[in-house]
Amino acid sequence: MQTKLVRIAEIAKENPKEQFTSLYHFLNEELLTQCNRELDGNKATGVDQVTKAAYEENLELNIKVDGKHCRN
């Protein structure tokens, strides 16, 4: 997964006018879990006002729900 995202970043940097029609197929439970791990828990909450600590209380369920939202 990481390799694909790095390649997309390279393409975007090399071709700033390139437009990606859809990146949703990259958003899956694996990526969401990885993003959660990399997220700094000391930053402000998102628009939903959920902290990283609160999200992690039900991490597996939240990842599944958010993954489904990405696919729909």
Protein backbone atom coordinates (compact mmCIF):
# COMPACT_ATOMS: atom_id res chain seq x y z
CA MET A 1 0.00 0.00 0.00
CA GLN A 2 2.70 2.47 0.97
CA THR A 3 4.44 1.95 -2.37
CA LYS A 4 1.30 2.89 -4.30
CA LEU A 5 0.82 6.05 -2.25
CA VAL A 6 4.45 7.04 -2.69
CA ARG A 7 4.08 6.56 -6.45
CA ILE A 8 0.96 8.75 -6.52
CA ALA A 9 2.85 11.44 -4.60
CA GLU A 10 5.73 11.22 -7.09
CA ILE A 11 3.37 11.56 -10.06
CA ALA A 12 1.66 14.54 -8.45
CA LYS A 13 5.00 16.23 -7.75
CA GLU A 14 6.40 15.55 -11.23
CA ASN A 15 3.18 16.61 -12.98
CA PRO A 16 1.49 19.35 -10.93
CA LYS A 17 -1.27 19.72 -13.53
CA GLU A 18 -2.09 15.99 -13.43
CA GLN A 19 -5.61 15.33 -12.20
CA PHE A 20 -6.51 12.11 -10.46
CA THR A 21 -10.08 11.09 -11.15
CA SER A 22 -10.44 8.79 -8.16
CA LEU A 23 -8.30 7.80 -5.22
CA TYR A 24 -11.07 6.19 -3.18
CA HIS A 25 -9.95 2.68 -4.08
CA PHE A 26 -6.80 3.33 -2.03
CA LEU A 27 -8.81 4.11 1.10
CA ASN A 28 -9.16 0.82 2.93
CA GLU A 29 -8.86 -0.50 6.47
CA GLU A 30 -5.12 -1.09 6.10
CA LEU A 31 -4.47 2.53 5.08
CA LEU A 32 -6.81 3.94 7.73
CA THR A 33 -5.02 1.91 10.41
CA GLN A 34 -1.64 3.10 9.16
CA CYS A 35 -2.82 6.72 9.13
CA ASN A 36 -4.13 6.39 12.67
CA ARG A 37 -0.74 5.07 13.83
CA GLU A 38 1.07 8.00 12.21
CA LEU A 39 -1.35 10.64 13.49
CA ASP A 40 -0.01 12.89 16.25
CA GLY A 41 -2.43 12.57 19.16
CA ASN A 42 -1.45 15.99 20.52
CA LYS A 43 -3.02 17.92 17.64
CA ALA A 44 -6.46 19.50 17.58
CA THR A 45 -9.53 17.37 16.96
CA GLY A 46 -11.10 17.18 13.53
CA VAL A 47 -14.41 18.65 12.46
CA ASP A 48 -16.17 15.79 14.24
CA GLN A 49 -14.51 16.82 17.55
CA VAL A 50 -13.23 13.26 18.13
CA THR A 51 -9.75 12.99 19.64
CA LYS A 52 -7.29 10.31 18.61
CA ALA A 53 -7.61 8.75 22.07
CA ALA A 54 -11.41 8.60 21.82
CA TYR A 55 -11.22 7.14 18.29
CA GLU A 56 -8.81 4.46 19.50
CA GLU A 57 -11.18 3.34 22.27
CA ASN A 58 -13.10 1.47 19.55
CA LEU A 59 -10.38 1.47 16.90
CA GLU A 60 -11.29 -1.75 15.11
CA LEU A 61 -14.97 -0.81 14.83
CA ASN A 62 -14.19 2.78 13.82
CA ILE A 63 -11.81 1.60 11.10
CA LYS A 64 -14.45 -0.80 9.74
CA VAL A 65 -17.15 1.89 9.73
CA ASP A 66 -14.90 4.51 8.17
CA GLY A 67 -13.69 1.99 5.59
CA LYS A 68 -17.28 1.30 4.57
CA HIS A 69 -17.96 5.05 4.28
CA CYS A 70 -15.00 5.34 1.91
CA ARG A 71 -16.38 2.63 -0.36
CA ASN A 72 -19.90 4.04 -0.53
